[in-house]
Every structure is written in structure tokens, then in C-alpha cells.
Amino acid sequence: MAYKGRRINPQHFEKSQIKIIIAVLPLVIFMALPIVFIINHAFKPMEELFAFPPTFIVKNPTLDNFTALIKASRTAGIPLSRYVFNSLIVTVVTIFLSLLFTTCAAFALSKIKFKAKHILMNINQIAIMFVGTAVLIPRYLVISLGGMVDSYAAHILPLLAVPVALFLVKQFVDQVPDSLLEAAYIDGANDLKVYFKIILPMIKPAIATAAILVFQQVWTNMETSNYFVNDDSMKTLTFYMNTLANANNTVAGQGMAAAAALIMFVPNLVLFCILQKNVMNTMAHSGIK
């Protein structure tokens, strides 16, 4: 599309984009500062970690913090590989089940007519306002009475429901034309076939966004290891990294804490960079009616 000789959203760089870049660049730099700090902080030697005033960019980068973290993990009674295994199992299973339930619920709430669908959607909207701490006691009672303490289910079950993910996916499913579904039903397709053959392929960007939201919630979660699991061999990597850094004295622990923070942050950054295009598409469609 052209307007007065200029294209909207040109494929390549044009001089008209310079003013946009200048306007957006300060915001981009400001948003990137925490990431730059986390990376630099992990490589600071001890004297820079406690320097006053604090330094933002590391002057003499070192791997001592990571070396200390590895040495401390070797002295633990439970090998680091066990915590990594627990985190991988919990993360993969939780993401799969959460996406399955989220997409099924979004399809039902958006395209299937049944009683109380609006009430259920309102309940989901209300759930967005609640933080995990507010429902900690009910969660513990469910886990305890269900006999799931010290099990993978204690990690997975409390993290399956992600109200924000359901809201975004449902908004995306709303954009699927009803005429397309009606044609599939006329050809003899049932709800299950429509879900797998039409809905899922058309909402891939929303699924990618939901996967990021679920991953961030699961990967950084310490609540389940703190309150629902007593067996140390069943705890996750996030809990182990946090306790390992805090178990040492305040001085030495700061370096390990910085290294552990970077290690736990990198998977989030990599996943977002890979799926960021889908995230942007989902956010754009979530406000379209």
C-alpha cells in the first residue's frame, strides 16, 4: 500500500524510518538495561560486587562466581543432575498439559455454545487478579488431602491453570471465522477433529505465547518446592540454586547468587527470542474483536 509515494511498513530500511527509530531507541535501551545488568553482574569479581558506588558494567570479568557455584554443588548430598532432571520433567509435562487444557478451554469458550460459558470466562478473568500467595492454603490442602506431597504431581498440578494464557488464546480463537467451522461440521467433522485440524493450526502464535507464559511460571517457581515437597531429591533446580547461594556466607554467596540468577534467566531469554514474533502477533490480535 502506498500513501503519497511512501509505503506503509516497508520491507527494507527507508529514510522515513529514522524518526521512528530515534523515538523508540531510548525506550529499547531502557528496557534492555536489566538484561545487561544481570549478565554483567554474574561476571563481576568480589571487589566489584561490593563496590560503592555500585558499578553497572563489569571492569574485570571473571568466571570465579560460576566456579564457586559448581564447587558448592559438588559438595551437596544430592547431585545437581537430579535437580536438573526434576525441573525438566516438571517443565515439559506442565507446559504440555497446560497448553492442552488452555487450548481446549479456549475453543469451548469461544466456539461452542453451552450454559454458563460466560460465567466460566468471568471466573477466569477474576482469577487473573489473584496472586499465588492468596491461594497458597487452598493449594496446600488439595495437594495434602490428595496424597500428592513429595511427588511430581505436587509440582505440576498447582501450575496447570494460567488465566492470562487462557484469555490470550481465547481472544485468538475468536478470530477464527465461524463459517470455516460450519463448513467443517457440514462435511461431517466432530468437535475433536475441528479442534485438531482447524483450531490448533490457526492459533499457533497464541500457543507459542502461552508456552512462554507457562514456561516462565514453571521455570522460576519455588513455591511448590518450599511448601509441597519435603524430600530434597524431588525439589527443582530453581529452589536448589536459590538455597545454594543463600546457604553460604553473605560475602561468598553474593557471587554465586549472581551466577545462579544468570543461569536461570538465560532459558527465558532464549525462548522469548525464538518465539518473539509469535508473541507480538498474539498481543496484536488479543485486542481485536
Protein backbone atom coordinates (compact mmCIF):
# COMPACT_ATOMS: atom_id res chain seq x y z
CA MET A 1 0.00 0.00 0.00
CA ALA A 2 1.28 3.46 -0.89
CA TYR A 3 0.43 6.84 0.52
CA LYS A 4 1.88 9.93 -1.15
CA GLY A 5 4.60 7.84 -2.68
CA ARG A 6 5.53 6.10 0.57
CA ARG A 7 4.81 2.53 1.53
CA ILE A 8 3.35 1.57 4.88
CA ASN A 9 5.53 -0.97 6.74
CA PRO A 10 8.25 -1.22 4.05
CA GLN A 11 10.19 -4.47 3.81
CA HIS A 12 13.60 -2.74 3.81
CA PHE A 13 15.12 0.25 5.52
CA GLU A 14 13.92 3.66 4.32
CA LYS A 15 14.83 7.15 5.41
CA SER A 16 11.30 7.69 6.70
CA GLN A 17 12.01 5.09 9.42
CA ILE A 18 14.78 7.16 11.00
CA LYS A 19 12.40 9.30 13.06
CA ILE A 20 10.65 6.18 14.33
CA ILE A 21 13.96 4.59 15.31
CA ILE A 22 15.04 7.74 17.14
CA ALA A 23 11.75 7.83 19.06
CA VAL A 24 11.82 4.14 20.03
CA LEU A 25 15.57 3.74 20.69
CA PRO A 26 15.58 5.34 24.20
CA LEU A 27 12.78 3.02 25.30
CA VAL A 28 14.60 -0.01 23.88
CA ILE A 29 17.78 0.93 25.73
CA PHE A 30 15.89 1.48 28.97
CA MET A 31 14.13 -1.89 28.71
CA ALA A 32 17.43 -3.65 27.92
CA LEU A 33 19.27 -2.27 30.98
CA PRO A 34 18.11 -5.02 33.41
CA ILE A 35 19.29 -7.71 30.98
CA VAL A 36 22.67 -6.02 30.58
CA PHE A 37 22.99 -5.70 34.36
CA ILE A 38 22.18 -9.38 35.04
CA ILE A 39 24.80 -10.51 32.51
CA ASN A 40 27.49 -8.14 33.80
CA HIS A 41 26.70 -8.79 37.46
CA ALA A 42 27.31 -12.53 37.07
CA PHE A 43 30.89 -11.94 35.85
CA LYS A 44 31.93 -9.38 38.46
CA PRO A 45 34.80 -10.25 40.81
CA MET A 46 34.18 -9.97 44.53
CA GLU A 47 35.56 -6.43 44.86
CA GLU A 48 33.19 -5.15 42.16
CA LEU A 49 30.18 -6.95 43.65
CA PHE A 50 30.61 -4.91 46.84
CA ALA A 51 31.96 -1.72 45.26
CA PHE A 52 30.43 1.58 46.33
CA PRO A 53 29.02 3.25 44.41
CA PRO A 54 27.92 0.11 42.55
CA THR A 55 29.23 -0.43 39.03
CA PHE A 56 26.84 -1.25 36.19
CA ILE A 57 29.34 -2.65 33.64
CA VAL A 58 31.91 -5.19 34.80
CA LYS A 59 35.50 -3.93 34.53
CA ASN A 60 37.43 -7.14 35.15
CA PRO A 61 35.20 -10.06 34.14
CA THR A 62 35.85 -13.39 35.79
CA LEU A 63 34.37 -16.90 35.93
CA ASP A 64 35.05 -17.25 39.65
CA ASN A 65 31.35 -16.96 40.54
CA PHE A 66 30.46 -19.88 38.27
CA THR A 67 33.42 -21.90 39.52
CA ALA A 68 32.33 -21.37 43.13
CA LEU A 69 28.79 -22.36 42.24
CA ILE A 70 29.95 -25.60 40.62
CA LYS A 71 32.25 -26.45 43.55
CA ALA A 72 29.45 -25.85 46.05
CA SER A 73 27.08 -28.07 44.06
CA ARG A 74 29.62 -30.92 44.13
CA THR A 75 29.67 -30.92 47.93
CA ALA A 76 25.90 -31.32 48.17
CA GLY A 77 24.43 -34.68 49.14
CA ILE A 78 22.20 -34.77 46.06
CA PRO A 79 23.83 -34.36 42.61
CA LEU A 80 22.99 -31.32 40.51
CA SER A 81 21.80 -33.60 37.70
CA ARG A 82 18.89 -34.72 39.88
CA TYR A 83 17.60 -31.17 40.25
CA VAL A 84 18.03 -30.55 36.52
CA PHE A 85 16.09 -33.74 35.78
CA ASN A 86 13.28 -32.72 38.14
CA SER A 87 13.00 -29.29 36.54
CA LEU A 88 12.95 -30.73 33.03
CA ILE A 89 10.25 -33.27 33.88
CA VAL A 90 8.09 -30.72 35.68
CA THR A 91 8.55 -28.05 32.98
CA VAL A 92 7.86 -30.29 29.98
CA VAL A 93 4.84 -32.05 31.50
CA THR A 94 3.35 -28.84 32.87
CA ILE A 95 3.72 -26.98 29.58
CA PHE A 96 2.16 -29.84 27.59
CA LEU A 97 -0.81 -30.33 29.92
CA SER A 98 -1.35 -26.60 30.45
CA LEU A 99 -1.39 -25.90 26.70
CA LEU A 100 -3.72 -28.83 26.13
CA PHE A 101 -6.21 -27.64 28.76
CA THR A 102 -5.84 -23.99 27.76
CA THR A 103 -6.48 -24.55 24.05
CA CYS A 104 -9.40 -26.92 24.72
CA ALA A 105 -10.97 -24.43 27.12
CA ALA A 106 -10.40 -21.53 24.71
CA PHE A 107 -12.08 -23.47 21.88
CA ALA A 108 -15.05 -24.34 24.07
CA LEU A 109 -15.48 -20.84 25.49
CA SER A 110 -15.16 -19.21 22.08
CA LYS A 111 -16.92 -21.50 19.61
CA ILE A 112 -19.11 -23.99 21.46
CA LYS A 113 -22.48 -22.96 22.86
CA PHE A 114 -23.29 -24.23 26.35
CA LYS A 115 -24.77 -22.88 29.55
CA ALA A 116 -22.60 -20.92 31.98
CA LYS A 117 -19.81 -20.29 29.43
CA HIS A 118 -19.89 -16.58 30.22
CA ILE A 119 -19.79 -17.29 33.94
CA LEU A 120 -16.74 -19.51 33.47
CA MET A 121 -14.99 -16.84 31.43
CA ASN A 122 -15.74 -14.26 34.13
CA ILE A 123 -14.28 -16.59 36.74
CA ASN A 124 -11.11 -16.82 34.67
CA GLN A 125 -10.95 -13.03 34.43
CA ILE A 126 -11.30 -12.76 38.21
CA ALA A 127 -8.57 -15.38 38.69
CA ILE A 128 -6.13 -13.12 36.84
CA MET A 129 -6.29 -10.70 39.79
CA PHE A 130 -5.19 -13.32 42.35
CA VAL A 131 -1.51 -13.85 43.11
CA GLY A 132 -0.18 -17.26 44.06
CA THR A 133 0.17 -16.33 47.74
CA ALA A 134 -3.58 -15.66 48.00
CA VAL A 135 -4.41 -19.27 47.10
CA LEU A 136 -1.46 -20.94 48.83
CA ILE A 137 -3.53 -22.52 51.62
CA PRO A 138 -6.22 -23.98 49.30
CA ARG A 139 -3.47 -25.34 47.06
CA TYR A 140 -1.73 -26.98 50.00
CA LEU A 141 -4.98 -28.56 51.20
CA VAL A 142 -5.65 -30.01 47.74
CA ILE A 143 -2.11 -31.40 47.49
CA SER A 144 -2.12 -32.76 51.05
CA LEU A 145 -5.60 -34.31 51.01
CA GLY A 146 -4.92 -35.76 47.58
CA GLY A 147 -1.82 -37.55 48.85
CA MET A 148 0.45 -35.79 46.36
CA VAL A 149 3.07 -34.44 48.78
CA ASP A 150 6.65 -35.30 47.71
CA SER A 151 5.61 -36.18 44.15
CA TYR A 152 5.86 -34.64 40.70
CA ALA A 153 2.12 -34.00 40.87
CA ALA A 154 2.77 -31.54 43.72
CA HIS A 155 4.90 -29.50 41.30
CA ILE A 156 2.66 -29.86 38.26
CA LEU A 157 -0.94 -29.58 39.46
CA PRO A 158 -0.76 -26.09 41.06
CA LEU A 159 0.80 -24.63 37.89
CA LEU A 160 -1.52 -26.06 35.24
CA ALA A 161 -4.03 -23.20 35.24
CA VAL A 162 -2.71 -19.96 33.73
CA PRO A 163 -5.64 -17.50 33.45
CA VAL A 164 -3.68 -14.96 31.38
CA ALA A 165 -2.78 -17.64 28.83
CA LEU A 166 -6.42 -18.73 28.54
CA PHE A 167 -7.51 -15.13 27.99
CA LEU A 168 -4.97 -14.56 25.20
CA VAL A 169 -5.67 -17.88 23.46
CA LYS A 170 -9.43 -17.37 23.68
CA GLN A 171 -9.11 -13.94 22.10
CA PHE A 172 -7.12 -15.50 19.28
CA VAL A 173 -9.67 -18.29 18.75
CA ASP A 174 -12.35 -15.59 18.45
CA GLN A 175 -10.68 -14.52 15.20
CA VAL A 176 -11.20 -17.93 13.56
CA PRO A 177 -14.17 -17.48 11.13
CA ASP A 178 -17.32 -19.28 12.21
CA SER A 179 -18.04 -20.03 8.55
CA LEU A 180 -14.88 -22.16 8.41
CA LEU A 181 -16.03 -24.26 11.34
CA GLU A 182 -19.55 -24.56 9.97
CA ALA A 183 -18.16 -25.89 6.67
CA ALA A 184 -16.15 -28.49 8.59
CA TYR A 185 -19.22 -29.58 10.57
CA ILE A 186 -21.25 -29.87 7.34
CA ASP A 187 -18.52 -32.14 5.91
CA GLY A 188 -19.01 -34.43 8.90
CA ALA A 189 -16.25 -33.29 11.26
CA ASN A 190 -16.86 -33.50 15.00
CA ASP A 191 -15.60 -31.12 17.69
CA LEU A 192 -12.42 -33.14 18.24
CA LYS A 193 -11.50 -33.10 14.56
CA VAL A 194 -12.27 -29.37 14.28
CA TYR A 195 -10.04 -28.74 17.29
CA PHE A 196 -7.06 -30.65 15.89
CA LYS A 197 -7.42 -29.87 12.18
CA ILE A 198 -8.60 -26.26 12.23
CA ILE A 199 -8.25 -24.55 15.60
CA LEU A 200 -4.74 -25.64 16.58
CA PRO A 201 -3.08 -24.86 13.21
CA MET A 202 -4.67 -21.40 13.12
CA ILE A 203 -3.70 -20.35 16.65
CA LYS A 204 -0.02 -21.34 16.63
CA PRO A 205 1.15 -17.80 17.57
CA ALA A 206 -1.15 -17.81 20.61
CA ILE A 207 0.07 -21.27 21.60
CA ALA A 208 3.68 -20.06 21.41
CA THR A 209 2.84 -17.09 23.63
CA ALA A 210 1.04 -19.30 26.13
CA ALA A 211 4.05 -21.64 26.15
CA ILE A 212 6.31 -18.74 27.14
CA LEU A 213 3.94 -17.66 29.93
CA VAL A 214 3.71 -21.20 31.30
CA PHE A 215 7.46 -21.75 31.00
CA GLN A 216 8.25 -18.57 32.92
CA GLN A 217 5.80 -19.54 35.66
CA VAL A 218 7.15 -23.09 36.00
CA TRP A 219 10.88 -22.48 35.50
CA THR A 220 11.16 -19.77 38.15
CA ASN A 221 8.70 -21.30 40.62
CA MET A 222 9.90 -22.09 44.15
CA GLU A 223 6.52 -22.27 45.87
CA THR A 224 5.95 -25.97 45.19
CA SER A 225 9.44 -26.97 46.40
CA ASN A 226 9.08 -24.81 49.50
CA TYR A 227 5.61 -25.85 50.64
CA PHE A 228 4.52 -29.05 48.88
CA VAL A 229 7.76 -31.09 48.76
CA ASN A 230 9.81 -32.20 51.77
CA ASP A 231 12.10 -34.69 50.01
CA ASP A 232 15.18 -32.82 48.77
CA SER A 233 15.60 -35.24 45.86
CA MET A 234 12.21 -34.10 44.50
CA LYS A 235 12.94 -30.37 44.53
CA THR A 236 13.65 -28.32 41.41
CA LEU A 237 16.74 -26.58 40.06
CA THR A 238 15.40 -23.10 40.85
CA PHE A 239 14.97 -23.98 44.52
CA TYR A 240 18.41 -25.59 44.65
CA MET A 241 20.15 -22.62 43.03
CA ASN A 242 18.48 -20.21 45.43
CA THR A 243 19.25 -22.21 48.58
CA LEU A 244 22.81 -22.97 47.43
CA ALA A 245 23.61 -19.30 47.10
CA ASN A 246 21.94 -18.38 50.38
CA ALA A 247 23.41 -21.28 52.35
CA ASN A 248 26.91 -19.83 52.13
CA ASN A 249 28.07 -16.76 53.97
CA THR A 250 26.79 -13.39 52.78
CA VAL A 251 30.01 -12.38 51.02
CA ALA A 252 30.72 -15.57 49.05
CA GLY A 253 27.03 -16.19 48.45
CA GLN A 254 26.59 -12.95 46.51
CA GLY A 255 28.81 -14.11 43.65
CA MET A 256 27.10 -17.49 43.42
CA ALA A 257 23.69 -15.84 43.60
CA ALA A 258 24.61 -13.60 40.65
CA ALA A 259 25.82 -16.60 38.63
CA ALA A 260 22.73 -18.63 39.52
CA ALA A 261 20.45 -15.74 38.51
CA LEU A 262 22.05 -15.60 35.06
CA ILE A 263 21.83 -19.38 34.60
CA MET A 264 18.11 -19.35 35.43
CA PHE A 265 17.47 -16.27 33.27
CA VAL A 266 19.11 -17.47 30.04
CA PRO A 267 16.44 -20.09 29.12
CA ASN A 268 13.71 -17.44 29.42
CA LEU A 269 15.64 -15.06 27.18
CA VAL A 270 16.43 -17.71 24.55
CA LEU A 271 12.84 -18.96 24.42
CA PHE A 272 11.47 -15.46 24.07
CA CYS A 273 13.94 -14.56 21.31
CA ILE A 274 12.93 -17.66 19.36
CA LEU A 275 9.17 -17.07 19.72
CA GLN A 276 9.04 -13.27 19.96
CA LYS A 277 7.40 -12.86 16.54
CA ASN A 278 4.51 -15.08 17.64
CA VAL A 279 4.22 -13.15 20.89
CA MET A 280 3.85 -9.86 19.02
CA ASN A 281 1.18 -11.33 16.74
CA THR A 282 -0.77 -12.65 19.71
CA MET A 283 -0.67 -9.33 21.55
CA ALA A 284 -1.90 -7.55 18.42
CA HIS A 285 -4.82 -9.95 17.93
CA SER A 286 -5.78 -10.09 21.63
CA GLY A 287 -7.36 -6.63 21.42
CA ILE A 288 -9.20 -7.19 18.11
CA LYS A 289 -12.86 -8.03 18.23
